[in-house]
N, C-alpha and C. Protein backbone atom coordinates (compact mmCIF):
# COMPACT_ATOMS: atom_id res chain seq x y z
N MET A 1 94.69 81.99 113.09
CA MET A 1 95.03 82.53 112.03
C MET A 1 96.20 83.12 112.14
N HIS A 2 97.24 82.92 111.16
CA HIS A 2 98.29 83.73 111.37
C HIS A 2 98.32 85.13 111.31
N PRO A 3 98.95 85.87 112.19
CA PRO A 3 98.73 87.28 112.36
C PRO A 3 99.06 88.13 111.15
N THR A 4 99.85 87.58 110.26
CA THR A 4 100.23 88.34 108.94
C THR A 4 98.63 88.09 107.98
N VAL A 5 98.54 87.29 108.01
CA VAL A 5 97.32 86.71 107.11
C VAL A 5 96.38 87.59 107.81
N GLU A 6 95.93 87.64 108.75
CA GLU A 6 94.64 88.58 109.53
C GLU A 6 94.83 89.80 109.10
N LEU A 7 96.15 90.43 109.27
CA LEU A 7 96.14 91.78 108.95
C LEU A 7 95.95 92.06 107.52
N ASN A 8 96.32 91.29 106.76
CA ASN A 8 96.35 91.32 105.21
C ASN A 8 95.13 90.55 104.40
N LEU A 9 94.07 90.11 105.47
CA LEU A 9 93.10 89.05 104.76
C LEU A 9 92.31 90.02 103.70
N ALA A 10 91.90 91.35 103.83
CA ALA A 10 91.06 92.00 103.04
C ALA A 10 91.82 92.21 101.59
N LEU A 11 93.13 92.41 101.73
CA LEU A 11 93.84 92.37 100.50
C LEU A 11 94.10 91.04 99.75
N ILE A 12 93.94 90.00 100.50
CA ILE A 12 94.00 88.51 99.95
C ILE A 12 92.61 88.37 99.31
N LEU A 13 91.54 88.68 100.09
CA LEU A 13 90.19 88.29 99.53
C LEU A 13 90.04 89.38 98.23
N PHE A 14 90.52 90.51 98.43
CA PHE A 14 89.93 91.62 97.21
C PHE A 14 91.11 91.58 95.83
N LEU A 15 92.15 90.78 96.27
CA LEU A 15 93.12 90.93 95.12
C LEU A 15 92.55 90.54 93.75
N PRO A 16 91.85 89.33 93.26
CA PRO A 16 91.34 88.99 92.28
C PRO A 16 90.25 89.97 91.82
N TRP A 17 89.60 90.65 92.62
CA TRP A 17 88.66 91.73 92.07
C TRP A 17 89.55 93.16 91.64
N PHE A 18 90.43 93.24 92.56
CA PHE A 18 91.31 94.62 91.99
C PHE A 18 92.09 94.40 90.75
N LEU A 19 92.64 92.93 90.62
CA LEU A 19 93.19 92.69 89.18
C LEU A 19 92.17 92.82 88.23
N ILE A 20 91.09 92.50 88.19
CA ILE A 20 89.98 92.62 87.25
C ILE A 20 89.47 94.21 87.03
N LEU A 21 89.47 95.01 87.94
CA LEU A 21 89.10 96.54 87.66
C LEU A 21 90.14 96.87 87.33
N GLY A 22 91.40 96.71 87.77
CA GLY A 22 92.82 97.28 87.34
C GLY A 22 93.02 97.08 85.82
N ALA A 23 92.61 95.60 85.47
CA ALA A 23 93.05 95.08 83.89
C ALA A 23 92.21 96.38 82.96
N LEU A 24 90.77 96.33 83.49
CA LEU A 24 89.63 97.20 82.71
C LEU A 24 90.00 98.55 82.68
N TYR A 25 90.73 99.32 83.64
CA TYR A 25 91.21 100.61 83.89
C TYR A 25 92.35 100.64 83.07
N TRP A 26 93.27 99.54 82.80
CA TRP A 26 94.79 99.56 82.17
C TRP A 26 94.18 99.30 80.41
N ILE A 27 93.21 98.49 80.25
CA ILE A 27 92.82 98.33 78.75
C ILE A 27 91.93 99.50 78.39
N TYR A 28 91.18 100.01 78.80
CA TYR A 28 90.05 101.07 78.20
C TYR A 28 90.44 102.26 78.79
N PRO A 29 90.33 103.28 77.67
CA PRO A 29 90.36 103.30 76.11
C PRO A 29 91.65 102.68 75.47
N ARG A 30 91.50 102.13 74.41
CA ARG A 30 92.72 101.47 73.98
C ARG A 30 93.46 102.60 73.61
N ARG A 31 93.04 103.77 73.04
CA ARG A 31 93.94 104.59 72.12
C ARG A 31 93.69 105.88 72.72
N PRO A 32 94.51 106.62 72.68
CA PRO A 32 95.69 106.58 72.38
C PRO A 32 96.85 106.29 73.83
N ARG A 33 97.63 105.61 73.58
CA ARG A 33 98.54 104.85 74.47
C ARG A 33 99.97 105.32 74.58
N PRO A 34 100.38 106.59 74.59
CA PRO A 34 101.65 107.18 74.53
C PRO A 34 102.20 106.36 75.92
N ALA A 35 103.58 106.64 75.93
CA ALA A 35 104.47 106.45 77.14
C ALA A 35 103.96 107.05 78.36
N ALA A 36 103.69 108.21 78.36
CA ALA A 36 103.27 109.13 79.23
C ALA A 36 101.90 108.36 80.25
N ARG A 37 101.02 108.15 79.43
CA ARG A 37 99.93 107.19 79.90
C ARG A 37 100.16 106.02 80.41
N ILE A 38 101.13 105.20 80.01
CA ILE A 38 101.60 103.95 80.80
C ILE A 38 101.86 104.35 82.07
N VAL A 39 102.93 105.24 82.14
CA VAL A 39 103.43 105.61 83.32
C VAL A 39 102.43 106.10 84.41
N PHE A 40 101.57 106.95 83.86
CA PHE A 40 100.38 107.54 84.59
C PHE A 40 99.38 106.12 85.08
N ASP A 41 99.25 105.45 84.26
CA ASP A 41 98.30 104.28 84.63
C ASP A 41 99.01 103.46 85.82
N LEU A 42 100.42 103.10 85.49
CA LEU A 42 101.19 102.14 86.62
C LEU A 42 101.00 103.17 87.84
N GLY A 43 101.23 104.46 87.74
CA GLY A 43 101.36 105.29 89.28
C GLY A 43 100.10 105.21 89.74
N ALA A 44 98.97 105.27 88.97
CA ALA A 44 97.45 105.32 89.79
C ALA A 44 97.52 103.96 90.32
N LEU A 45 97.62 102.95 89.63
CA LEU A 45 97.24 101.66 90.17
C LEU A 45 98.13 101.28 91.42
N ALA A 46 99.59 101.96 91.33
CA ALA A 46 100.30 101.49 92.57
C ALA A 46 99.84 102.63 93.62
N LEU A 47 99.34 103.61 93.58
CA LEU A 47 98.93 104.62 94.42
C LEU A 47 97.49 104.19 95.10
N ALA A 48 96.89 103.68 94.23
CA ALA A 48 95.48 102.86 94.88
C ALA A 48 95.71 102.10 95.58
N THR A 49 96.50 101.20 95.27
CA THR A 49 97.07 100.04 96.00
C THR A 49 97.72 100.36 97.33
N ALA A 50 98.64 101.14 97.51
CA ALA A 50 99.19 101.81 98.64
C ALA A 50 97.92 102.48 99.51
N ALA A 51 97.23 103.21 98.96
CA ALA A 51 96.26 103.99 99.67
C ALA A 51 95.45 103.04 100.28
N PHE A 52 95.12 101.85 99.71
CA PHE A 52 94.23 100.67 99.98
C PHE A 52 95.11 99.94 101.35
N LEU A 53 96.31 99.82 101.21
CA LEU A 53 96.91 99.16 102.46
C LEU A 53 97.10 100.07 103.64
N LEU A 54 97.42 101.32 103.61
CA LEU A 54 97.12 102.25 104.47
C LEU A 54 95.92 102.42 105.25
N SER A 55 94.88 102.49 104.39
CA SER A 55 93.55 102.68 105.10
C SER A 55 93.29 101.35 105.49
N MET A 56 93.37 100.32 105.23
CA MET A 56 93.11 99.02 105.64
C MET A 56 93.80 98.76 107.06
N HIS A 57 95.17 99.49 107.07
CA HIS A 57 95.87 98.84 108.62
C HIS A 57 95.39 99.86 109.43
N TRP A 58 94.93 101.09 108.81
CA TRP A 58 94.75 102.18 109.77
C TRP A 58 93.33 101.83 110.33
N SER A 59 92.46 101.19 109.38
CA SER A 59 90.95 101.11 109.94
C SER A 59 91.01 99.77 111.01
N MET A 60 92.16 99.02 110.68
CA MET A 60 92.30 97.60 111.60
C MET A 60 92.83 98.20 112.99
N GLU A 61 93.47 99.29 113.09
CA GLU A 61 93.97 99.91 114.28
C GLU A 61 92.86 100.63 115.44
N ILE A 62 91.93 101.31 114.44
CA ILE A 62 91.00 102.16 115.36
C ILE A 62 89.73 101.41 115.44
N ALA A 63 89.60 100.10 114.84
CA ALA A 63 88.41 99.24 114.93
C ALA A 63 87.93 98.98 116.64
N ASP A 64 86.59 99.22 116.91
CA ASP A 64 86.61 98.71 118.22
C ASP A 64 85.95 97.29 118.32
N ARG A 65 86.93 96.63 119.12
CA ARG A 65 86.98 95.19 119.09
C ARG A 65 85.92 94.80 119.92
N ARG A 66 85.10 95.67 120.67
CA ARG A 66 84.03 95.21 121.57
C ARG A 66 82.88 94.80 120.78
N HIS A 67 82.89 94.87 119.50
CA HIS A 67 81.86 94.60 118.65
C HIS A 67 82.22 92.93 118.11
N GLY A 68 83.22 92.63 118.50
CA GLY A 68 83.50 91.31 118.10
C GLY A 68 84.97 91.11 117.40
N HIS A 69 85.25 90.09 117.22
CA HIS A 69 86.87 89.65 116.57
C HIS A 69 86.75 90.10 114.86
N MET A 70 85.43 89.83 114.57
CA MET A 70 85.45 89.90 113.28
C MET A 70 85.15 91.36 112.57
N TRP A 71 84.86 91.93 113.39
CA TRP A 71 84.54 93.89 113.33
C TRP A 71 85.83 94.43 112.59
N PRO A 72 86.92 94.37 113.11
CA PRO A 72 88.10 94.85 112.27
C PRO A 72 88.46 94.62 110.81
N GLN A 73 87.87 93.09 110.74
CA GLN A 73 88.02 92.85 109.29
C GLN A 73 87.14 93.44 108.44
N VAL A 74 85.93 93.49 109.01
CA VAL A 74 84.60 93.99 108.23
C VAL A 74 85.18 95.28 108.02
N LEU A 75 85.41 96.31 108.84
CA LEU A 75 85.96 97.77 108.87
C LEU A 75 86.96 97.99 107.81
N ALA A 76 88.01 97.08 107.93
CA ALA A 76 89.17 97.21 106.94
C ALA A 76 88.88 96.77 105.48
N THR A 77 88.02 96.01 105.40
CA THR A 77 87.58 95.74 104.09
C THR A 77 86.57 96.73 103.31
N SER A 78 85.87 97.55 103.96
CA SER A 78 84.83 98.36 103.60
C SER A 78 85.79 99.41 103.49
N VAL A 79 86.31 99.96 104.30
CA VAL A 79 87.32 101.35 104.23
C VAL A 79 88.25 101.31 102.97
N GLY A 80 89.03 100.12 103.04
CA GLY A 80 89.84 99.81 102.05
C GLY A 80 89.26 100.12 100.66
N TYR A 81 88.45 99.08 100.42
CA TYR A 81 87.55 98.96 99.23
C TYR A 81 87.35 100.37 98.59
N GLY A 82 86.58 101.34 99.78
CA GLY A 82 86.12 102.54 99.27
C GLY A 82 87.24 103.49 99.21
N VAL A 83 88.30 103.25 99.38
CA VAL A 83 89.48 104.10 99.41
C VAL A 83 90.08 103.65 97.86
N TRP A 84 90.24 102.33 97.56
CA TRP A 84 90.86 102.07 96.39
C TRP A 84 89.90 102.59 95.31
N LEU A 85 88.45 102.38 95.26
CA LEU A 85 87.53 102.65 94.30
C LEU A 85 87.39 104.13 93.93
N ALA A 86 87.77 105.21 95.18
CA ALA A 86 87.70 106.43 95.01
C ALA A 86 89.18 106.85 94.42
N MET A 87 90.07 106.20 94.72
CA MET A 87 91.37 106.51 94.00
C MET A 87 91.43 106.24 92.48
N MET A 88 90.97 105.24 92.12
CA MET A 88 90.77 104.78 90.67
C MET A 88 89.82 105.47 90.15
N THR A 89 88.57 106.10 90.63
CA THR A 89 87.82 107.11 90.06
C THR A 89 88.32 108.27 89.49
N LEU A 90 88.96 108.80 90.51
CA LEU A 90 89.78 109.95 90.53
C LEU A 90 90.72 110.01 89.44
N ALA A 91 91.38 108.88 89.13
CA ALA A 91 92.49 108.50 88.22
C ALA A 91 92.02 108.42 86.65
N PHE A 92 90.95 107.72 86.61
CA PHE A 92 89.91 107.71 85.62
C PHE A 92 89.55 109.14 84.98
N PHE A 93 88.99 109.85 85.74
CA PHE A 93 88.59 111.29 85.35
C PHE A 93 89.87 112.03 84.91
N VAL A 94 90.97 112.08 85.88
CA VAL A 94 92.25 112.98 85.32
C VAL A 94 92.57 112.45 84.20
N ARG A 95 92.94 111.18 83.98
CA ARG A 95 93.13 110.50 82.80
C ARG A 95 92.36 111.01 81.53
N ARG A 96 90.99 110.84 81.86
CA ARG A 96 90.14 111.31 80.47
C ARG A 96 90.32 112.71 80.24
N ALA A 97 90.13 113.68 81.25
CA ALA A 97 90.57 115.04 80.93
C ALA A 97 91.85 115.26 80.49
N TRP A 98 92.76 114.54 80.78
CA TRP A 98 94.36 114.79 80.24
C TRP A 98 94.41 114.22 78.69
N LEU A 99 93.61 113.11 78.45
CA LEU A 99 93.55 112.66 77.09
C LEU A 99 93.09 113.62 76.11
N ARG A 100 91.85 114.23 76.50
CA ARG A 100 91.03 115.14 75.95
C ARG A 100 91.76 116.28 75.48
N ARG A 101 92.39 116.80 76.49
CA ARG A 101 93.15 117.78 76.41
C ARG A 101 94.25 117.75 75.13
N ARG A 102 95.05 116.47 75.35
CA ARG A 102 95.94 116.34 74.43
C ARG A 102 95.50 115.97 72.70
N GLY A 103 94.40 115.25 72.93
CA GLY A 103 93.87 115.29 71.61
C GLY A 103 92.85 115.89 70.99
């Protein structure tokens, strides 16, 4: 396997799922949708993806390779997905509180 593909395999495999969850985050709630919310949502999605990439690459580096060649991929996928979900959950609750305060 090409080293670049191997390093980013978790992102390649999770990209469709991230697109689905990201679209649901973007769509709901439908209103209100001021310009500030669009900027917040774009920032939250970008920040979650960047955190995913950083945590994925970090976990690939610290993975103990004595447990097999696949272990770094398993660890990177698990840690990265957890970080992405945590970031999006935090963004969801911050956005909800912000929208309630505005309305």
